[in-house]
Amino acid sequence: GVESTPTTGNVEVAQLAAQWCREIGLNV
């Protein structure tokens, strides 16, 4: 559901992935 197209960029989806990685205890 997060738009990450060339005109939008991927920052929002990257931040979401980083959040989920932190939730499982990874250092991000």
PDB file of all heavy atoms in Angstrom:
ATOM      1  N   GLY A   1       0.783  -1.230   0.000  1.00  0.00           N
ATOM      2  CA  GLY A   1       0.000   0.000   0.000  1.00  0.00           C
ATOM      3  C   GLY A   1       0.817   1.285   0.000  1.00  0.00           C
ATOM      4  O   GLY A   1       0.277   2.367  -0.195  1.00  0.00           O
ATOM      5  N   VAL A   2       2.120   1.182   0.204  1.00  0.00           N
ATOM      6  CA  VAL A   2       2.984   2.374   0.215  1.00  0.00           C
ATOM      7  C   VAL A   2       3.521   2.597  -1.201  1.00  0.00           C
ATOM      8  O   VAL A   2       4.195   1.734  -1.753  1.00  0.00           O
ATOM      9  CB  VAL A   2       4.155   2.209   1.204  1.00  0.00           C
ATOM     10  CG1 VAL A   2       5.083   3.411   1.132  1.00  0.00           C
ATOM     11  CG2 VAL A   2       3.635   2.013   2.616  1.00  0.00           C
ATOM     12  N   GLU A   3       3.216   3.743  -1.761  1.00  0.00           N
ATOM     13  CA  GLU A   3       3.730   4.040  -3.103  1.00  0.00           C
ATOM     14  C   GLU A   3       5.230   4.299  -3.039  1.00  0.00           C
ATOM     15  O   GLU A   3       5.695   5.110  -2.232  1.00  0.00           O
ATOM     16  CB  GLU A   3       3.020   5.256  -3.702  1.00  0.00           C
ATOM     17  CG  GLU A   3       3.457   5.503  -5.114  1.00  0.00           C
ATOM     18  CD  GLU A   3       2.644   6.576  -5.834  1.00  0.00           C
ATOM     19  OE1 GLU A   3       1.586   6.987  -5.326  1.00  0.00           O
ATOM     20  OE2 GLU A   3       3.085   6.998  -6.914  1.00  0.00           O
ATOM     21  N   SER A   4       5.963   3.586  -3.886  1.00  0.00           N
ATOM     22  CA  SER A   4       7.423   3.756  -3.943  1.00  0.00           C
ATOM     23  C   SER A   4       7.889   3.791  -5.392  1.00  0.00           C
ATOM     24  O   SER A   4       8.900   3.224  -5.753  1.00  0.00           O
ATOM     25  CB  SER A   4       8.117   2.623  -3.179  1.00  0.00           C
ATOM     26  OG  SER A   4       7.792   1.367  -3.754  1.00  0.00           O
ATOM     27  N   THR A   5       7.117   4.470  -6.209  1.00  0.00           N
ATOM     28  CA  THR A   5       7.411   4.576  -7.635  1.00  0.00           C
ATOM     29  C   THR A   5       8.516   5.603  -7.882  1.00  0.00           C
ATOM     30  O   THR A   5       8.869   6.366  -6.978  1.00  0.00           O
ATOM     31  CB  THR A   5       6.140   4.986  -8.407  1.00  0.00           C
ATOM     32  OG1 THR A   5       5.697   6.257  -7.918  1.00  0.00           O
ATOM     33  CG2 THR A   5       5.025   3.960  -8.231  1.00  0.00           C
ATOM     34  N   PRO A   6       9.066   5.650  -9.098  1.00  0.00           N
ATOM     35  CA  PRO A   6      10.149   6.597  -9.393  1.00  0.00           C
ATOM     36  C   PRO A   6       9.799   8.051  -9.103  1.00  0.00           C
ATOM     37  O   PRO A   6      10.664   8.823  -8.698  1.00  0.00           O
ATOM     38  CB  PRO A   6      10.407   6.381 -10.884  1.00  0.00           C
ATOM     39  CG  PRO A   6      10.005   4.969 -11.131  1.00  0.00           C
ATOM     40  CD  PRO A   6       8.809   4.754 -10.230  1.00  0.00           C
ATOM     41  N   THR A   7       8.551   8.443  -9.276  1.00  0.00           N
ATOM     42  CA  THR A   7       8.182   9.841  -9.033  1.00  0.00           C
ATOM     43  C   THR A   7       7.951  10.134  -7.555  1.00  0.00           C
ATOM     44  O   THR A   7       7.998  11.284  -7.138  1.00  0.00           O
ATOM     45  CB  THR A   7       6.910  10.215  -9.820  1.00  0.00           C
ATOM     46  OG1 THR A   7       5.862   9.310  -9.464  1.00  0.00           O
ATOM     47  CG2 THR A   7       7.150  10.163 -11.318  1.00  0.00           C
ATOM     48  N   THR A   8       7.742   9.097  -6.752  1.00  0.00           N
ATOM     49  CA  THR A   8       7.480   9.265  -5.327  1.00  0.00           C
ATOM     50  C   THR A   8       8.705   9.008  -4.476  1.00  0.00           C
ATOM     51  O   THR A   8       8.905   9.632  -3.443  1.00  0.00           O
ATOM     52  CB  THR A   8       6.350   8.315  -4.874  1.00  0.00           C
ATOM     53  OG1 THR A   8       5.215   8.557  -5.679  1.00  0.00           O
ATOM     54  CG2 THR A   8       5.991   8.516  -3.425  1.00  0.00           C
ATOM     55  N   GLY A   9       9.534   8.050  -4.871  1.00  0.00           N
ATOM     56  CA  GLY A   9      10.690   7.657  -4.080  1.00  0.00           C
ATOM     57  C   GLY A   9      10.329   6.541  -3.116  1.00  0.00           C
ATOM     58  O   GLY A   9       9.178   6.137  -3.000  1.00  0.00           O
ATOM     59  N   ASN A  10      11.347   6.037  -2.423  1.00  0.00           N
ATOM     60  CA  ASN A  10      11.112   4.881  -1.567  1.00  0.00           C
ATOM     61  C   ASN A  10      11.312   5.164  -0.076  1.00  0.00           C
ATOM     62  O   ASN A  10      11.374   4.238   0.724  1.00  0.00           O
ATOM     63  CB  ASN A  10      12.023   3.719  -1.995  1.00  0.00           C
ATOM     64  CG  ASN A  10      13.458   3.916  -1.580  1.00  0.00           C
ATOM     65  OD1 ASN A  10      13.894   5.028  -1.291  1.00  0.00           O
ATOM     66  ND2 ASN A  10      14.213   2.843  -1.555  1.00  0.00           N
ATOM     67  N   VAL A  11      11.409   6.414   0.318  1.00  0.00           N
ATOM     68  CA  VAL A  11      11.707   6.738   1.714  1.00  0.00           C
ATOM     69  C   VAL A  11      10.641   6.187   2.658  1.00  0.00           C
ATOM     70  O   VAL A  11      10.964   5.584   3.686  1.00  0.00           O
ATOM     71  CB  VAL A  11      11.888   8.261   1.916  1.00  0.00           C
ATOM     72  CG1 VAL A  11      11.992   8.616   3.392  1.00  0.00           C
ATOM     73  CG2 VAL A  11      13.123   8.746   1.169  1.00  0.00           C
ATOM     74  N   GLU A  12       9.385   6.350   2.323  1.00  0.00           N
ATOM     75  CA  GLU A  12       8.314   5.900   3.225  1.00  0.00           C
ATOM     76  C   GLU A  12       8.359   4.386   3.429  1.00  0.00           C
ATOM     77  O   GLU A  12       8.257   3.891   4.556  1.00  0.00           O
ATOM     78  CB  GLU A  12       6.946   6.324   2.697  1.00  0.00           C
ATOM     79  CG  GLU A  12       5.816   5.989   3.649  1.00  0.00           C
ATOM     80  CD  GLU A  12       4.446   6.428   3.151  1.00  0.00           C
ATOM     81  OE1 GLU A  12       4.355   7.116   2.114  1.00  0.00           O
ATOM     82  OE2 GLU A  12       3.456   6.054   3.811  1.00  0.00           O
ATOM     83  N   VAL A  13       8.533   3.639   2.347  1.00  0.00           N
ATOM     84  CA  VAL A  13       8.573   2.186   2.482  1.00  0.00           C
ATOM     85  C   VAL A  13       9.859   1.745   3.182  1.00  0.00           C
ATOM     86  O   VAL A  13       9.864   0.778   3.956  1.00  0.00           O
ATOM     87  CB  VAL A  13       8.368   1.478   1.114  1.00  0.00           C
ATOM     88  CG1 VAL A  13       9.588   1.551   0.245  1.00  0.00           C
ATOM     89  CG2 VAL A  13       7.937   0.037   1.313  1.00  0.00           C
ATOM     90  N   ALA A  14      10.954   2.459   2.977  1.00  0.00           N
ATOM     91  CA  ALA A  14      12.209   2.147   3.671  1.00  0.00           C
ATOM     92  C   ALA A  14      12.060   2.394   5.171  1.00  0.00           C
ATOM     93  O   ALA A  14      12.546   1.601   5.985  1.00  0.00           O
ATOM     94  CB  ALA A  14      13.353   2.974   3.103  1.00  0.00           C
ATOM     95  N   GLN A  15      11.391   3.466   5.543  1.00  0.00           N
ATOM     96  CA  GLN A  15      11.169   3.751   6.955  1.00  0.00           C
ATOM     97  C   GLN A  15      10.295   2.675   7.597  1.00  0.00           C
ATOM     98  O   GLN A  15      10.531   2.265   8.738  1.00  0.00           O
ATOM     99  CB  GLN A  15      10.537   5.134   7.132  1.00  0.00           C
ATOM    100  CG  GLN A  15      11.487   6.261   6.815  1.00  0.00           C
ATOM    101  CD  GLN A  15      10.819   7.618   6.788  1.00  0.00           C
ATOM    102  OE1 GLN A  15       9.600   7.746   6.631  1.00  0.00           O
ATOM    103  NE2 GLN A  15      11.636   8.663   6.931  1.00  0.00           N
ATOM    104  N   LEU A  16       9.310   2.185   6.861  1.00  0.00           N
ATOM    105  CA  LEU A  16       8.462   1.107   7.357  1.00  0.00           C
ATOM    106  C   LEU A  16       9.276  -0.176   7.548  1.00  0.00           C
ATOM    107  O   LEU A  16       9.170  -0.840   8.581  1.00  0.00           O
ATOM    108  CB  LEU A  16       7.295   0.870   6.391  1.00  0.00           C
ATOM    109  CG  LEU A  16       6.250  -0.150   6.809  1.00  0.00           C
ATOM    110  CD1 LEU A  16       5.605   0.218   8.138  1.00  0.00           C
ATOM    111  CD2 LEU A  16       5.191  -0.261   5.715  1.00  0.00           C
ATOM    112  N   ALA A  17      10.103  -0.519   6.574  1.00  0.00           N
ATOM    113  CA  ALA A  17      10.956  -1.706   6.687  1.00  0.00           C
ATOM    114  C   ALA A  17      11.908  -1.566   7.872  1.00  0.00           C
ATOM    115  O   ALA A  17      12.114  -2.524   8.636  1.00  0.00           O
ATOM    116  CB  ALA A  17      11.744  -1.911   5.391  1.00  0.00           C
ATOM    117  N   ALA A  18      12.475  -0.387   8.048  1.00  0.00           N
ATOM    118  CA  ALA A  18      13.387  -0.145   9.170  1.00  0.00           C
ATOM    119  C   ALA A  18      12.658  -0.315  10.503  1.00  0.00           C
ATOM    120  O   ALA A  18      13.190  -0.937  11.436  1.00  0.00           O
ATOM    121  CB  ALA A  18      13.995   1.260   9.058  1.00  0.00           C
ATOM    122  N   GLN A  19      11.453   0.201  10.589  1.00  0.00           N
ATOM    123  CA  GLN A  19      10.657   0.073  11.812  1.00  0.00           C
ATOM    124  C   GLN A  19      10.413  -1.400  12.141  1.00  0.00           C
ATOM    125  O   GLN A  19      10.594  -1.831  13.283  1.00  0.00           O
ATOM    126  CB  GLN A  19       9.317   0.790  11.638  1.00  0.00           C
ATOM    127  CG  GLN A  19       8.343   0.572  12.777  1.00  0.00           C
ATOM    128  CD  GLN A  19       6.956   1.095  12.459  1.00  0.00           C
ATOM    129  OE1 GLN A  19       6.783   2.016  11.658  1.00  0.00           O
ATOM    130  NE2 GLN A  19       5.952   0.502  13.063  1.00  0.00           N
ATOM    131  N   TRP A  20      10.032  -2.187  11.149  1.00  0.00           N
ATOM    132  CA  TRP A  20       9.752  -3.609  11.382  1.00  0.00           C
ATOM    133  C   TRP A  20      11.020  -4.360  11.762  1.00  0.00           C
ATOM    134  O   TRP A  20      10.987  -5.262  12.593  1.00  0.00           O
ATOM    135  CB  TRP A  20       9.087  -4.231  10.173  1.00  0.00           C
ATOM    136  CG  TRP A  20       7.674  -3.746   9.970  1.00  0.00           C
ATOM    137  CD1 TRP A  20       6.890  -3.097  10.873  1.00  0.00           C
ATOM    138  CD2 TRP A  20       6.889  -3.879   8.794  1.00  0.00           C
ATOM    139  NE1 TRP A  20       5.667  -2.808  10.327  1.00  0.00           N
ATOM    140  CE2 TRP A  20       5.636  -3.277   9.051  1.00  0.00           C
ATOM    141  CE3 TRP A  20       7.123  -4.432   7.545  1.00  0.00           C
ATOM    142  CZ2 TRP A  20       4.621  -3.233   8.110  1.00  0.00           C
ATOM    143  CZ3 TRP A  20       6.095  -4.389   6.604  1.00  0.00           C
ATOM    144  CH2 TRP A  20       4.864  -3.796   6.877  1.00  0.00           C
ATOM    145  N   CYS A  21      12.151  -3.998  11.168  1.00  0.00           N
ATOM    146  CA  CYS A  21      13.419  -4.630  11.547  1.00  0.00           C
ATOM    147  C   CYS A  21      13.764  -4.314  12.996  1.00  0.00           C
ATOM    148  O   CYS A  21      14.225  -5.184  13.742  1.00  0.00           O
ATOM    149  CB  CYS A  21      14.548  -4.172  10.618  1.00  0.00           C
ATOM    150  SG  CYS A  21      14.469  -4.887   8.965  1.00  0.00           S
ATOM    151  N   ARG A  22      13.554  -3.068  13.410  1.00  0.00           N
ATOM    152  CA  ARG A  22      13.827  -2.686  14.798  1.00  0.00           C
ATOM    153  C   ARG A  22      12.913  -3.447  15.762  1.00  0.00           C
ATOM    154  O   ARG A  22      13.339  -3.844  16.850  1.00  0.00           O
ATOM    155  CB  ARG A  22      13.651  -1.182  14.976  1.00  0.00           C
ATOM    156  CG  ARG A  22      14.770  -0.372  14.366  1.00  0.00           C
ATOM    157  CD  ARG A  22      14.624   1.121  14.654  1.00  0.00           C
ATOM    158  NE  ARG A  22      15.660   1.867  13.985  1.00  0.00           N
ATOM    159  CZ  ARG A  22      15.446   2.651  12.906  1.00  0.00           C
ATOM    160  NH1 ARG A  22      14.229   2.801  12.407  1.00  0.00           N
ATOM    161  NH2 ARG A  22      16.449   3.290  12.349  1.00  0.00           N
ATOM    162  N   GLU A  23      11.654  -3.633  15.365  1.00  0.00           N
ATOM    163  CA  GLU A  23      10.690  -4.334  16.219  1.00  0.00           C
ATOM    164  C   GLU A  23      11.127  -5.768  16.527  1.00  0.00           C
ATOM    165  O   GLU A  23      10.780  -6.297  17.581  1.00  0.00           O
ATOM    166  CB  GLU A  23       9.303  -4.345  15.575  1.00  0.00           C
ATOM    167  CG  GLU A  23       8.609  -3.011  15.615  1.00  0.00           C
ATOM    168  CD  GLU A  23       7.278  -3.007  14.870  1.00  0.00           C
ATOM    169  OE1 GLU A  23       6.787  -4.093  14.466  1.00  0.00           O
ATOM    170  OE2 GLU A  23       6.719  -1.912  14.679  1.00  0.00           O
ATOM    171  N   ILE A  24      11.868  -6.388  15.623  1.00  0.00           N
ATOM    172  CA  ILE A  24      12.324  -7.756  15.881  1.00  0.00           C
ATOM    173  C   ILE A  24      13.746  -7.795  16.436  1.00  0.00           C
ATOM    174  O   ILE A  24      14.359  -8.854  16.510  1.00  0.00           O
ATOM    175  CB  ILE A  24      12.197  -8.656  14.633  1.00  0.00           C
ATOM    176  CG1 ILE A  24      13.068  -8.163  13.482  1.00  0.00           C
ATOM    177  CG2 ILE A  24      10.747  -8.803  14.218  1.00  0.00           C
ATOM    178  CD1 ILE A  24      13.184  -9.143  12.331  1.00  0.00           C
ATOM    179  N   GLY A  25      14.262  -6.612  16.810  1.00  0.00           N
ATOM    180  CA  GLY A  25      15.535  -6.561  17.513  1.00  0.00           C
ATOM    181  C   GLY A  25      16.766  -6.348  16.657  1.00  0.00           C
ATOM    182  O   GLY A  25      17.884  -6.462  17.163  1.00  0.00           O
ATOM    183  N   LEU A  26      16.600  -6.043  15.385  1.00  0.00           N
ATOM    184  CA  LEU A  26      17.765  -5.779  14.544  1.00  0.00           C
ATOM    185  C   LEU A  26      18.247  -4.347  14.747  1.00  0.00           C
ATOM    186  O   LEU A  26      17.458  -3.455  15.061  1.00  0.00           O
ATOM    187  CB  LEU A  26      17.424  -6.011  13.075  1.00  0.00           C
ATOM    188  CG  LEU A  26      17.078  -7.451  12.699  1.00  0.00           C
ATOM    189  CD1 LEU A  26      16.624  -7.525  11.245  1.00  0.00           C
ATOM    190  CD2 LEU A  26      18.247  -8.386  12.942  1.00  0.00           C
ATOM    191  N   ASN A  27      19.528  -4.130  14.564  1.00  0.00           N
ATOM    192  CA  ASN A  27      20.112  -2.796  14.592  1.00  0.00           C
ATOM    193  C   ASN A  27      20.030  -2.237  13.179  1.00  0.00           C
ATOM    194  O   ASN A  27      20.509  -2.868  12.237  1.00  0.00           O
ATOM    195  CB  ASN A  27      21.567  -2.850  15.058  1.00  0.00           C
ATOM    196  CG  ASN A  27      21.653  -3.227  16.508  1.00  0.00           C
ATOM    197  OD1 ASN A  27      21.426  -2.399  17.367  1.00  0.00           O
ATOM    198  ND2 ASN A  27      21.947  -4.493  16.785  1.00  0.00           N
ATOM    199  N   VAL A  28      19.430  -1.083  13.033  1.00  0.00           N
ATOM    200  CA  VAL A  28      19.117  -0.549  11.709  1.00  0.00           C
ATOM    201  C   VAL A  28      19.806   0.786  11.478  1.00  0.00           C
ATOM    202  O   VAL A  28      19.825   1.654  12.348  1.00  0.00           O
ATOM    203  CB  VAL A  28      17.589  -0.378  11.546  1.00  0.00           C
ATOM    204  CG1 VAL A  28      17.248   0.259  10.214  1.00  0.00           C
ATOM    205  CG2 VAL A  28      16.881  -1.716  11.708  1.00  0.00           C
TER     206      VAL A  28
END
